[in-house]
Amino acid sequence: KQWYQRRVRACVNKKGKANGLQVLEGGHIVQCSLGLCRKLRQHKSPLTNPLFNYFKSFELCVGLNGRVWVRADTVKHTVAISIYLKQCEYMSGADAVGMLRQTVKALG
């Protein structure tokens, strides 16, 4: 349980307040639907599980305003995760995972 919580964080606490959380530095912002953000915030979300298969270290900060902050070890990995999240909007889970596999392969 601990390993998952360190990688996928919410930008606000349970009361909807920033309440001492730090400024997000580096990374990339992805604009998503509110529905996708809700799915990403679920504990052990089926959308984030494939990411753990491809990337050793990454961070997601999911806001309820439709924005997701992404940061990974390299810029290539950050781009791959960002593309995957955008594809999750329009593809089924299996198709998005296939696209993630192709993106990771193309980026090296």
PDB file of N, CA and C in Angstrom:
ATOM      1  N   LYS A   1       0.829  -1.194   0.000  1.00  0.00           N
ATOM      2  CA  LYS A   1       0.000   0.000   0.000  1.00  0.00           C
ATOM      3  C   LYS A   1       0.871   1.255   0.000  1.00  0.00           C
ATOM      4  N   GLN A   2       1.938   1.265   0.739  1.00  0.00           N
ATOM      5  CA  GLN A   2       2.800   2.436   0.857  1.00  0.00           C
ATOM      6  C   GLN A   2       3.428   2.831  -0.472  1.00  0.00           C
ATOM      7  N   TRP A   3       3.920   1.862  -1.252  1.00  0.00           N
ATOM      8  CA  TRP A   3       4.594   2.152  -2.513  1.00  0.00           C
ATOM      9  C   TRP A   3       3.677   2.864  -3.483  1.00  0.00           C
ATOM     10  N   TYR A   4       2.411   2.546  -3.479  1.00  0.00           N
ATOM     11  CA  TYR A   4       1.462   3.159  -4.415  1.00  0.00           C
ATOM     12  C   TYR A   4       1.197   4.610  -4.047  1.00  0.00           C
ATOM     13  N   GLN A   5       1.029   4.895  -2.792  1.00  0.00           N
ATOM     14  CA  GLN A   5       0.697   6.243  -2.350  1.00  0.00           C
ATOM     15  C   GLN A   5       1.827   7.233  -2.592  1.00  0.00           C
ATOM     16  N   ARG A   6       3.054   6.755  -2.639  1.00  0.00           N
ATOM     17  CA  ARG A   6       4.165   7.671  -2.874  1.00  0.00           C
ATOM     18  C   ARG A   6       4.200   8.143  -4.319  1.00  0.00           C
ATOM     19  N   ARG A   7       3.638   7.397  -5.234  1.00  0.00           N
ATOM     20  CA  ARG A   7       3.756   7.731  -6.644  1.00  0.00           C
ATOM     21  C   ARG A   7       2.535   8.467  -7.192  1.00  0.00           C
ATOM     22  N   VAL A   8       1.381   8.213  -6.674  1.00  0.00           N
ATOM     23  CA  VAL A   8       0.174   8.875  -7.153  1.00  0.00           C
ATOM     24  C   VAL A   8      -0.373   9.716  -6.013  1.00  0.00           C
ATOM     25  N   ARG A   9      -0.281  11.025  -6.173  1.00  0.00           N
ATOM     26  CA  ARG A   9      -0.686  11.913  -5.090  1.00  0.00           C
ATOM     27  C   ARG A   9      -1.789  12.858  -5.564  1.00  0.00           C
ATOM     28  N   ALA A  10      -2.561  13.304  -4.646  1.00  0.00           N
ATOM     29  CA  ALA A  10      -3.553  14.331  -4.936  1.00  0.00           C
ATOM     30  C   ALA A  10      -2.950  15.691  -4.609  1.00  0.00           C
ATOM     31  N   CYS A  11      -3.386  16.714  -5.330  1.00  0.00           N
ATOM     32  CA  CYS A  11      -2.864  18.070  -5.102  1.00  0.00           C
ATOM     33  C   CYS A  11      -3.516  18.722  -3.890  1.00  0.00           C
ATOM     34  N   VAL A  12      -4.581  18.129  -3.393  1.00  0.00           N
ATOM     35  CA  VAL A  12      -5.281  18.677  -2.240  1.00  0.00           C
ATOM     36  C   VAL A  12      -5.549  17.550  -1.250  1.00  0.00           C
ATOM     37  N   ASN A  13      -5.824  17.949  -0.011  1.00  0.00           N
ATOM     38  CA  ASN A  13      -6.145  16.935   0.990  1.00  0.00           C
ATOM     39  C   ASN A  13      -7.620  16.523   0.864  1.00  0.00           C
ATOM     40  N   LYS A  14      -8.100  15.697   1.782  1.00  0.00           N
ATOM     41  CA  LYS A  14      -9.470  15.196   1.703  1.00  0.00           C
ATOM     42  C   LYS A  14     -10.518  16.293   1.835  1.00  0.00           C
ATOM     43  N   LYS A  15     -10.133  17.419   2.423  1.00  0.00           N
ATOM     44  CA  LYS A  15     -11.062  18.545   2.579  1.00  0.00           C
ATOM     45  C   LYS A  15     -11.012  19.494   1.385  1.00  0.00           C
ATOM     46  N   GLY A  16     -10.174  19.182   0.396  1.00  0.00           N
ATOM     47  CA  GLY A  16     -10.082  20.013  -0.794  1.00  0.00           C
ATOM     48  C   GLY A  16      -9.166  21.217  -0.641  1.00  0.00           C
ATOM     49  N   LYS A  17      -8.301  21.206   0.353  1.00  0.00           N
ATOM     50  CA  LYS A  17      -7.383  22.322   0.609  1.00  0.00           C
ATOM     51  C   LYS A  17      -5.941  21.911   0.343  1.00  0.00           C
ATOM     52  N   ALA A  18      -5.119  22.863  -0.085  1.00  0.00           N
ATOM     53  CA  ALA A  18      -3.699  22.589  -0.327  1.00  0.00           C
ATOM     54  C   ALA A  18      -2.992  22.245   0.983  1.00  0.00           C
ATOM     55  N   ASN A  19      -3.292  22.952   2.048  1.00  0.00           N
ATOM     56  CA  ASN A  19      -2.890  22.611   3.410  1.00  0.00           C
ATOM     57  C   ASN A  19      -1.434  22.155   3.544  1.00  0.00           C
ATOM     58  N   GLY A  20      -0.504  22.985   3.079  1.00  0.00           N
ATOM     59  CA  GLY A  20       0.903  22.702   3.293  1.00  0.00           C
ATOM     60  C   GLY A  20       1.557  21.834   2.242  1.00  0.00           C
ATOM     61  N   LEU A  21       0.839  21.435   1.219  1.00  0.00           N
ATOM     62  CA  LEU A  21       1.465  20.639   0.169  1.00  0.00           C
ATOM     63  C   LEU A  21       2.411  21.511  -0.631  1.00  0.00           C
ATOM     64  N   GLN A  22       3.445  20.927  -1.179  1.00  0.00           N
ATOM     65  CA  GLN A  22       4.506  21.685  -1.828  1.00  0.00           C
ATOM     66  C   GLN A  22       4.148  22.067  -3.263  1.00  0.00           C
ATOM     67  N   VAL A  23       4.894  23.046  -3.777  1.00  0.00           N
ATOM     68  CA  VAL A  23       4.775  23.453  -5.168  1.00  0.00           C
ATOM     69  C   VAL A  23       5.359  22.350  -6.034  1.00  0.00           C
ATOM     70  N   LEU A  24       4.686  22.045  -7.147  1.00  0.00           N
ATOM     71  CA  LEU A  24       5.162  21.023  -8.065  1.00  0.00           C
ATOM     72  C   LEU A  24       6.167  21.645  -9.024  1.00  0.00           C
ATOM     73  N   GLU A  25       7.365  21.094  -9.079  1.00  0.00           N
ATOM     74  CA  GLU A  25       8.417  21.643  -9.928  1.00  0.00           C
ATOM     75  C   GLU A  25       8.767  20.655 -11.022  1.00  0.00           C
ATOM     76  N   GLY A  26       9.109  21.184 -12.200  1.00  0.00           N
ATOM     77  CA  GLY A  26       9.448  20.331 -13.331  1.00  0.00           C
ATOM     78  C   GLY A  26       8.214  19.626 -13.835  1.00  0.00           C
ATOM     79  N   GLY A  27       8.400  18.572 -14.563  1.00  0.00           N
ATOM     80  CA  GLY A  27       7.279  17.777 -15.034  1.00  0.00           C
ATOM     81  C   GLY A  27       6.482  18.445 -16.137  1.00  0.00           C
ATOM     82  N   HIS A  28       5.288  17.931 -16.339  1.00  0.00           N
ATOM     83  CA  HIS A  28       4.423  18.363 -17.427  1.00  0.00           C
ATOM     84  C   HIS A  28       2.973  18.295 -16.963  1.00  0.00           C
ATOM     85  N   ILE A  29       2.162  19.236 -17.414  1.00  0.00           N
ATOM     86  CA  ILE A  29       0.737  19.249 -17.085  1.00  0.00           C
ATOM     87  C   ILE A  29      -0.048  18.688 -18.264  1.00  0.00           C
ATOM     88  N   VAL A  30      -0.952  17.757 -17.982  1.00  0.00           N
ATOM     89  CA  VAL A  30      -1.835  17.179 -18.991  1.00  0.00           C
ATOM     90  C   VAL A  30      -3.259  17.583 -18.647  1.00  0.00           C
ATOM     91  N   GLN A  31      -3.988  18.109 -19.616  1.00  0.00           N
ATOM     92  CA  GLN A  31      -5.397  18.474 -19.423  1.00  0.00           C
ATOM     93  C   GLN A  31      -6.249  17.245 -19.745  1.00  0.00           C
ATOM     94  N   CYS A  32      -7.088  16.824 -18.797  1.00  0.00           N
ATOM     95  CA  CYS A  32      -7.922  15.633 -18.951  1.00  0.00           C
ATOM     96  C   CYS A  32      -9.361  15.965 -18.572  1.00  0.00           C
ATOM     97  N   SER A  33     -10.246  15.038 -18.842  1.00  0.00           N
ATOM     98  CA  SER A  33     -11.629  15.200 -18.395  1.00  0.00           C
ATOM     99  C   SER A  33     -11.692  14.967 -16.888  1.00  0.00           C
ATOM    100  N   LEU A  34     -12.738  15.471 -16.268  1.00  0.00           N
ATOM    101  CA  LEU A  34     -12.906  15.257 -14.825  1.00  0.00           C
ATOM    102  C   LEU A  34     -13.136  13.784 -14.516  1.00  0.00           C
ATOM    103  N   GLY A  35     -13.805  13.081 -15.422  1.00  0.00           N
ATOM    104  CA  GLY A  35     -14.034  11.648 -15.235  1.00  0.00           C
ATOM    105  C   GLY A  35     -12.729  10.868 -15.206  1.00  0.00           C
ATOM    106  N   LEU A  36     -11.809  11.212 -16.105  1.00  0.00           N
ATOM    107  CA  LEU A  36     -10.509  10.537 -16.119  1.00  0.00           C
ATOM    108  C   LEU A  36      -9.737  10.839 -14.841  1.00  0.00           C
ATOM    109  N   CYS A  37      -9.805  12.078 -14.383  1.00  0.00           N
ATOM    110  CA  CYS A  37      -9.122  12.429 -13.129  1.00  0.00           C
ATOM    111  C   CYS A  37      -9.664  11.618 -11.965  1.00  0.00           C
ATOM    112  N   ARG A  38     -10.979  11.432 -11.917  1.00  0.00           N
ATOM    113  CA  ARG A  38     -11.563  10.624 -10.846  1.00  0.00           C
ATOM    114  C   ARG A  38     -11.068   9.183 -10.922  1.00  0.00           C
ATOM    115  N   LYS A  39     -10.979   8.640 -12.133  1.00  0.00           N
ATOM    116  CA  LYS A  39     -10.479   7.267 -12.289  1.00  0.00           C
ATOM    117  C   LYS A  39      -9.020   7.159 -11.855  1.00  0.00           C
ATOM    118  N   LEU A  40      -8.212   8.168 -12.185  1.00  0.00           N
ATOM    119  CA  LEU A  40      -6.795   8.146 -11.814  1.00  0.00           C
ATOM    120  C   LEU A  40      -6.608   8.254 -10.302  1.00  0.00           C
ATOM    121  N   ARG A  41      -7.533   8.901  -9.609  1.00  0.00           N
ATOM    122  CA  ARG A  41      -7.414   9.090  -8.162  1.00  0.00           C
ATOM    123  C   ARG A  41      -7.824   7.855  -7.371  1.00  0.00           C
ATOM    124  N   GLN A  42      -8.434   6.882  -8.023  1.00  0.00           N
ATOM    125  CA  GLN A  42      -8.841   5.665  -7.329  1.00  0.00           C
ATOM    126  C   GLN A  42      -7.612   4.891  -6.858  1.00  0.00           C
ATOM    127  N   HIS A  43      -7.719   4.290  -5.688  1.00  0.00           N
ATOM    128  CA  HIS A  43      -6.620   3.470  -5.183  1.00  0.00           C
ATOM    129  C   HIS A  43      -6.444   2.272  -6.109  1.00  0.00           C
ATOM    130  N   LYS A  44      -5.223   2.025  -6.550  1.00  0.00           N
ATOM    131  CA  LYS A  44      -4.899   0.952  -7.492  1.00  0.00           C
ATOM    132  C   LYS A  44      -5.757   1.048  -8.749  1.00  0.00           C
ATOM    133  N   SER A  45      -5.804   2.214  -9.314  1.00  0.00           N
ATOM    134  CA  SER A  45      -6.562   2.451 -10.541  1.00  0.00           C
ATOM    135  C   SER A  45      -6.069   1.554 -11.667  1.00  0.00           C
ATOM    136  N   PRO A  46      -6.976   0.952 -12.437  1.00  0.00           N
ATOM    137  CA  PRO A  46      -6.546   0.129 -13.570  1.00  0.00           C
ATOM    138  C   PRO A  46      -5.834   0.950 -14.650  1.00  0.00           C
ATOM    139  N   LEU A  47      -5.972   2.264 -14.611  1.00  0.00           N
ATOM    140  CA  LEU A  47      -5.289   3.118 -15.582  1.00  0.00           C
ATOM    141  C   LEU A  47      -3.827   3.348 -15.204  1.00  0.00           C
ATOM    142  N   THR A  48      -3.508   3.339 -13.925  1.00  0.00           N
ATOM    143  CA  THR A  48      -2.121   3.568 -13.517  1.00  0.00           C
ATOM    144  C   THR A  48      -1.317   2.278 -13.395  1.00  0.00           C
ATOM    145  N   ASN A  49      -1.973   1.158 -13.205  1.00  0.00           N
ATOM    146  CA  ASN A  49      -1.248  -0.106 -13.054  1.00  0.00           C
ATOM    147  C   ASN A  49      -0.309  -0.407 -14.216  1.00  0.00           C
ATOM    148  N   PRO A  50      -0.701  -0.204 -15.490  1.00  0.00           N
ATOM    149  CA  PRO A  50       0.244  -0.482 -16.588  1.00  0.00           C
ATOM    150  C   PRO A  50       1.505   0.385 -16.530  1.00  0.00           C
ATOM    151  N   LEU A  51       1.410   1.568 -15.962  1.00  0.00           N
ATOM    152  CA  LEU A  51       2.575   2.448 -15.880  1.00  0.00           C
ATOM    153  C   LEU A  51       3.674   1.832 -15.018  1.00  0.00           C
ATOM    154  N   PHE A  52       3.283   1.100 -13.982  1.00  0.00           N
ATOM    155  CA  PHE A  52       4.265   0.479 -13.093  1.00  0.00           C
ATOM    156  C   PHE A  52       5.050  -0.622 -13.811  1.00  0.00           C
ATOM    157  N   ASN A  53       4.490  -1.168 -14.890  1.00  0.00           N
ATOM    158  CA  ASN A  53       5.186  -2.201 -15.660  1.00  0.00           C
ATOM    159  C   ASN A  53       6.290  -1.623 -16.543  1.00  0.00           C
ATOM    160  N   TYR A  54       6.172  -0.343 -16.902  1.00  0.00           N
ATOM    161  CA  TYR A  54       7.102   0.254 -17.862  1.00  0.00           C
ATOM    162  C   TYR A  54       8.080   1.246 -17.243  1.00  0.00           C
ATOM    163  N   PHE A  55       7.725   1.824 -16.111  1.00  0.00           N
ATOM    164  CA  PHE A  55       8.550   2.893 -15.543  1.00  0.00           C
ATOM    165  C   PHE A  55       8.885   2.574 -14.093  1.00  0.00           C
ATOM    166  N   LYS A  56      10.178   2.696 -13.747  1.00  0.00           N
ATOM    167  CA  LYS A  56      10.619   2.410 -12.386  1.00  0.00           C
ATOM    168  C   LYS A  56      10.178   3.495 -11.418  1.00  0.00           C
ATOM    169  N   SER A  57      10.249   4.742 -11.876  1.00  0.00           N
ATOM    170  CA  SER A  57       9.951   5.849 -10.979  1.00  0.00           C
ATOM    171  C   SER A  57       9.220   6.951 -11.744  1.00  0.00           C
ATOM    172  N   PHE A  58       8.076   7.343 -11.222  1.00  0.00           N
ATOM    173  CA  PHE A  58       7.336   8.463 -11.785  1.00  0.00           C
ATOM    174  C   PHE A  58       6.393   9.001 -10.721  1.00  0.00           C
ATOM    175  N   GLU A  59       5.921  10.207 -10.955  1.00  0.00           N
ATOM    176  CA  GLU A  59       4.962  10.819 -10.041  1.00  0.00           C
ATOM    177  C   GLU A  59       3.799  11.373 -10.844  1.00  0.00           C
ATOM    178  N   LEU A  60       2.605  11.217 -10.307  1.00  0.00           N
ATOM    179  CA  LEU A  60       1.406  11.838 -10.852  1.00  0.00           C
ATOM    180  C   LEU A  60       0.759  12.630  -9.732  1.00  0.00           C
ATOM    181  N   CYS A  61       0.342  13.821 -10.037  1.00  0.00           N
ATOM    182  CA  CYS A  61      -0.445  14.602  -9.095  1.00  0.00           C
ATOM    183  C   CYS A  61      -1.741  14.936  -9.818  1.00  0.00           C
ATOM    184  N   VAL A  62      -2.831  14.363  -9.347  1.00  0.00           N
ATOM    185  CA  VAL A  62      -4.107  14.447 -10.039  1.00  0.00           C
ATOM    186  C   VAL A  62      -4.999  15.460  -9.337  1.00  0.00           C
ATOM    187  N   GLY A  63      -5.398  16.488 -10.071  1.00  0.00           N
ATOM    188  CA  GLY A  63      -6.305  17.493  -9.530  1.00  0.00           C
ATOM    189  C   GLY A  63      -7.723  17.216  -9.970  1.00  0.00           C
ATOM    190  N   LEU A  64      -8.668  17.728  -9.219  1.00  0.00           N
ATOM    191  CA  LEU A  64     -10.074  17.579  -9.601  1.00  0.00           C
ATOM    192  C   LEU A  64     -10.511  18.697 -10.549  1.00  0.00           C
ATOM    193  N   ASN A  65      -9.543  19.436 -11.058  1.00  0.00           N
ATOM    194  CA  ASN A  65      -9.826  20.505 -12.014  1.00  0.00           C
ATOM    195  C   ASN A  65      -9.529  20.063 -13.446  1.00  0.00           C
ATOM    196  N   GLY A  66      -9.255  18.784 -13.649  1.00  0.00           N
ATOM    197  CA  GLY A  66      -8.981  18.276 -14.978  1.00  0.00           C
ATOM    198  C   GLY A  66      -7.521  18.345 -15.372  1.00  0.00           C
ATOM    199  N   ARG A  67      -6.645  18.609 -14.430  1.00  0.00           N
ATOM    200  CA  ARG A  67      -5.220  18.689 -14.738  1.00  0.00           C
ATOM    201  C   ARG A  67      -4.455  17.603 -13.982  1.00  0.00           C
ATOM    202  N   VAL A  68      -3.499  17.012 -14.690  1.00  0.00           N
ATOM    203  CA  VAL A  68      -2.652  15.983 -14.101  1.00  0.00           C
ATOM    204  C   VAL A  68      -1.205  16.400 -14.327  1.00  0.00           C
ATOM    205  N   TRP A  69      -0.448  16.485 -13.249  1.00  0.00           N
ATOM    206  CA  TRP A  69       0.977  16.806 -13.329  1.00  0.00           C
ATOM    207  C   TRP A  69       1.729  15.491 -13.387  1.00  0.00           C
ATOM    208  N   VAL A  70       2.668  15.393 -14.325  1.00  0.00           N
ATOM    209  CA  VAL A  70       3.432  14.166 -14.553  1.00  0.00           C
ATOM    210  C   VAL A  70       4.918  14.485 -14.482  1.00  0.00           C
ATOM    211  N   ARG A  71       5.661  13.675 -13.746  1.00  0.00           N
ATOM    212  CA  ARG A  71       7.119  13.791 -13.740  1.00  0.00           C
ATOM    213  C   ARG A  71       7.701  12.383 -13.630  1.00  0.00           C
ATOM    214  N   ALA A  72       8.694  12.109 -14.481  1.00  0.00           N
ATOM    215  CA  ALA A  72       9.361  10.801 -14.475  1.00  0.00           C
ATOM    216  C   ALA A  72      10.869  11.018 -14.477  1.00  0.00           C
ATOM    217  N   ASP A  73      11.622   9.923 -14.491  1.00  0.00           N
ATOM    218  CA  ASP A  73      13.086   9.987 -14.456  1.00  0.00           C
ATOM    219  C   ASP A  73      13.663  10.781 -15.616  1.00  0.00           C
ATOM    220  N   THR A  74      13.085  10.591 -16.794  1.00  0.00           N
ATOM    221  CA  THR A  74      13.598  11.275 -17.983  1.00  0.00           C
ATOM    222  C   THR A  74      12.462  12.022 -18.679  1.00  0.00           C
ATOM    223  N   VAL A  75      12.838  12.935 -19.547  1.00  0.00           N
ATOM    224  CA  VAL A  75      11.837  13.675 -20.319  1.00  0.00           C
ATOM    225  C   VAL A  75      11.074  12.712 -21.227  1.00  0.00           C
ATOM    226  N   LYS A  76      11.767  11.736 -21.803  1.00  0.00           N
ATOM    227  CA  LYS A  76      11.113  10.752 -22.663  1.00  0.00           C
ATOM    228  C   LYS A  76      10.026   9.991 -21.918  1.00  0.00           C
ATOM    229  N   HIS A  77      10.323   9.601 -20.692  1.00  0.00           N
ATOM    230  CA  HIS A  77       9.331   8.874 -19.900  1.00  0.00           C
ATOM    231  C   HIS A  77       8.158   9.782 -19.535  1.00  0.00           C
ATOM    232  N   THR A  78       8.440  11.039 -19.224  1.00  0.00           N
ATOM    233  CA  THR A  78       7.372  11.990 -18.916  1.00  0.00           C
ATOM    234  C   THR A  78       6.466  12.159 -20.123  1.00  0.00           C
ATOM    235  N   VAL A  79       7.049  12.264 -21.302  1.00  0.00           N
ATOM    236  CA  VAL A  79       6.263  12.399 -22.533  1.00  0.00           C
ATOM    237  C   VAL A  79       5.428  11.143 -22.776  1.00  0.00           C
ATOM    238  N   ALA A  80       6.026   9.977 -22.599  1.00  0.00           N
ATOM    239  CA  ALA A  80       5.305   8.716 -22.814  1.00  0.00           C
ATOM    240  C   ALA A  80       4.105   8.601 -21.873  1.00  0.00           C
ATOM    241  N   ILE A  81       4.282   8.954 -20.618  1.00  0.00           N
ATOM    242  CA  ILE A  81       3.182   8.891 -19.653  1.00  0.00           C
ATOM    243  C   ILE A  81       2.104   9.909 -20.016  1.00  0.00           C
ATOM    244  N   SER A  82       2.514  11.102 -20.430  1.00  0.00           N
ATOM    245  CA  SER A  82       1.550  12.138 -20.821  1.00  0.00           C
ATOM    246  C   SER A  82       0.717  11.685 -22.016  1.00  0.00           C
ATOM    247  N   ILE A  83       1.372  11.087 -23.009  1.00  0.00           N
ATOM    248  CA  ILE A  83       0.652  10.582 -24.184  1.00  0.00           C
ATOM    249  C   ILE A  83      -0.315   9.482 -23.771  1.00  0.00           C
ATOM    250  N   TYR A  84       0.133   8.585 -22.911  1.00  0.00           N
ATOM    251  CA  TYR A  84      -0.730   7.498 -22.430  1.00  0.00           C
ATOM    252  C   TYR A  84      -1.981   8.051 -21.748  1.00  0.00           C
ATOM    253  N   LEU A  85      -1.812   9.049 -20.880  1.00  0.00           N
ATOM    254  CA  LEU A  85      -2.960   9.613 -20.168  1.00  0.00           C
ATOM    255  C   LEU A  85      -3.953  10.236 -21.145  1.00  0.00           C
ATOM    256  N   LYS A  86      -3.446  10.931 -22.153  1.00  0.00           N
ATOM    257  CA  LYS A  86      -4.340  11.520 -23.153  1.00  0.00           C
ATOM    258  C   LYS A  86      -5.071  10.434 -23.939  1.00  0.00           C
ATOM    259  N   GLN A  87      -4.387   9.327 -24.229  1.00  0.00           N
ATOM    260  CA  GLN A  87      -5.012   8.230 -24.966  1.00  0.00           C
ATOM    261  C   GLN A  87      -6.088   7.541 -24.130  1.00  0.00           C
ATOM    262  N   CYS A  88      -5.938   7.531 -22.821  1.00  0.00           N
ATOM    263  CA  CYS A  88      -6.936   6.905 -21.949  1.00  0.00           C
ATOM    264  C   CYS A  88      -8.295   7.580 -22.084  1.00  0.00           C
ATOM    265  N   GLU A  89      -8.314   8.835 -22.499  1.00  0.00           N
ATOM    266  CA  GLU A  89      -9.566   9.566 -22.704  1.00  0.00           C
ATOM    267  C   GLU A  89     -10.394   8.944 -23.819  1.00  0.00           C
ATOM    268  N   TYR A  90      -9.721   8.477 -24.861  1.00  0.00           N
ATOM    269  CA  TYR A  90     -10.419   8.131 -26.101  1.00  0.00           C
ATOM    270  C   TYR A  90     -10.340   6.658 -26.473  1.00  0.00           C
ATOM    271  N   MET A  91      -9.550   5.880 -25.764  1.00  0.00           N
ATOM    272  CA  MET A  91      -9.365   4.470 -26.095  1.00  0.00           C
ATOM    273  C   MET A  91      -9.800   3.589 -24.933  1.00  0.00           C
ATOM    274  N   SER A  92     -10.039   2.332 -25.252  1.00  0.00           N
ATOM    275  CA  SER A  92     -10.286   1.365 -24.189  1.00  0.00           C
ATOM    276  C   SER A  92      -8.973   1.132 -23.441  1.00  0.00           C
ATOM    277  N   GLY A  93      -9.048   0.523 -22.287  1.00  0.00           N
ATOM    278  CA  GLY A  93      -7.852   0.273 -21.484  1.00  0.00           C
ATOM    279  C   GLY A  93      -6.808  -0.543 -22.222  1.00  0.00           C
ATOM    280  N   ALA A  94      -7.255  -1.602 -22.913  1.00  0.00           N
ATOM    281  CA  ALA A  94      -6.316  -2.472 -23.635  1.00  0.00           C
ATOM    282  C   ALA A  94      -5.658  -1.719 -24.788  1.00  0.00           C
ATOM    283  N   ASP A  95      -6.437  -0.905 -25.504  1.00  0.00           N
ATOM    284  CA  ASP A  95      -5.873  -0.131 -26.621  1.00  0.00           C
ATOM    285  C   ASP A  95      -4.871   0.898 -26.110  1.00  0.00           C
ATOM    286  N   ALA A  96      -5.179   1.530 -24.979  1.00  0.00           N
ATOM    287  CA  ALA A  96      -4.272   2.532 -24.412  1.00  0.00           C
ATOM    288  C   ALA A  96      -2.964   1.881 -23.954  1.00  0.00           C
ATOM    289  N   VAL A  97      -3.041   0.683 -23.403  1.00  0.00           N
ATOM    290  CA  VAL A  97      -1.829  -0.032 -22.985  1.00  0.00           C
ATOM    291  C   VAL A  97      -0.997  -0.393 -24.208  1.00  0.00           C
ATOM    292  N   GLY A  98      -1.647  -0.810 -25.287  1.00  0.00           N
ATOM    293  CA  GLY A  98      -0.936  -1.092 -26.531  1.00  0.00           C
ATOM    294  C   GLY A  98      -0.235   0.150 -27.056  1.00  0.00           C
ATOM    295  N   MET A  99      -0.916   1.290 -26.969  1.00  0.00           N
ATOM    296  CA  MET A  99      -0.314   2.551 -27.394  1.00  0.00           C
ATOM    297  C   MET A  99       0.863   2.912 -26.484  1.00  0.00           C
ATOM    298  N   LEU A 100       0.743   2.655 -25.186  1.00  0.00           N
ATOM    299  CA  LEU A 100       1.832   2.916 -24.254  1.00  0.00           C
ATOM    300  C   LEU A 100       3.054   2.081 -24.637  1.00  0.00           C
ATOM    301  N   ARG A 101       2.834   0.810 -24.944  1.00  0.00           N
ATOM    302  CA  ARG A 101       3.919  -0.089 -25.350  1.00  0.00           C
ATOM    303  C   ARG A 101       4.618   0.452 -26.603  1.00  0.00           C
ATOM    304  N   GLN A 102       3.835   0.886 -27.583  1.00  0.00           N
ATOM    305  CA  GLN A 102       4.407   1.435 -28.823  1.00  0.00           C
ATOM    306  C   GLN A 102       5.162   2.733 -28.572  1.00  0.00           C
ATOM    307  N   THR A 103       4.610   3.589 -27.713  1.00  0.00           N
ATOM    308  CA  THR A 103       5.247   4.863 -27.409  1.00  0.00           C
ATOM    309  C   THR A 103       6.588   4.656 -26.713  1.00  0.00           C
ATOM    310  N   VAL A 104       6.608   3.752 -25.728  1.00  0.00           N
ATOM    311  CA  VAL A 104       7.852   3.462 -25.005  1.00  0.00           C
ATOM    312  C   VAL A 104       8.893   2.896 -25.966  1.00  0.00           C
ATOM    313  N   LYS A 105       8.465   2.019 -26.868  1.00  0.00           N
ATOM    314  CA  LYS A 105       9.384   1.434 -27.838  1.00  0.00           C
ATOM    315  C   LYS A 105       9.916   2.507 -28.797  1.00  0.00           C
ATOM    316  N   ALA A 106       9.042   3.410 -29.254  1.00  0.00           N
ATOM    317  CA  ALA A 106       9.454   4.455 -30.192  1.00  0.00           C
ATOM    318  C   ALA A 106      10.419   5.467 -29.540  1.00  0.00           C
ATOM    319  N   LEU A 107      10.185   5.748 -28.264  1.00  0.00           N
ATOM    320  CA  LEU A 107      11.034   6.739 -27.578  1.00  0.00           C
ATOM    321  C   LEU A 107      12.356   6.129 -27.102  1.00  0.00           C
ATOM    322  N   GLY A 108      12.423   4.830 -27.105  1.00  0.00           N
ATOM    323  CA  GLY A 108      13.688   4.166 -26.726  1.00  0.00           C
ATOM    324  C   GLY A 108      13.760   3.927 -25.302  1.00  0.00           C
TER     325      GLY A 108
END
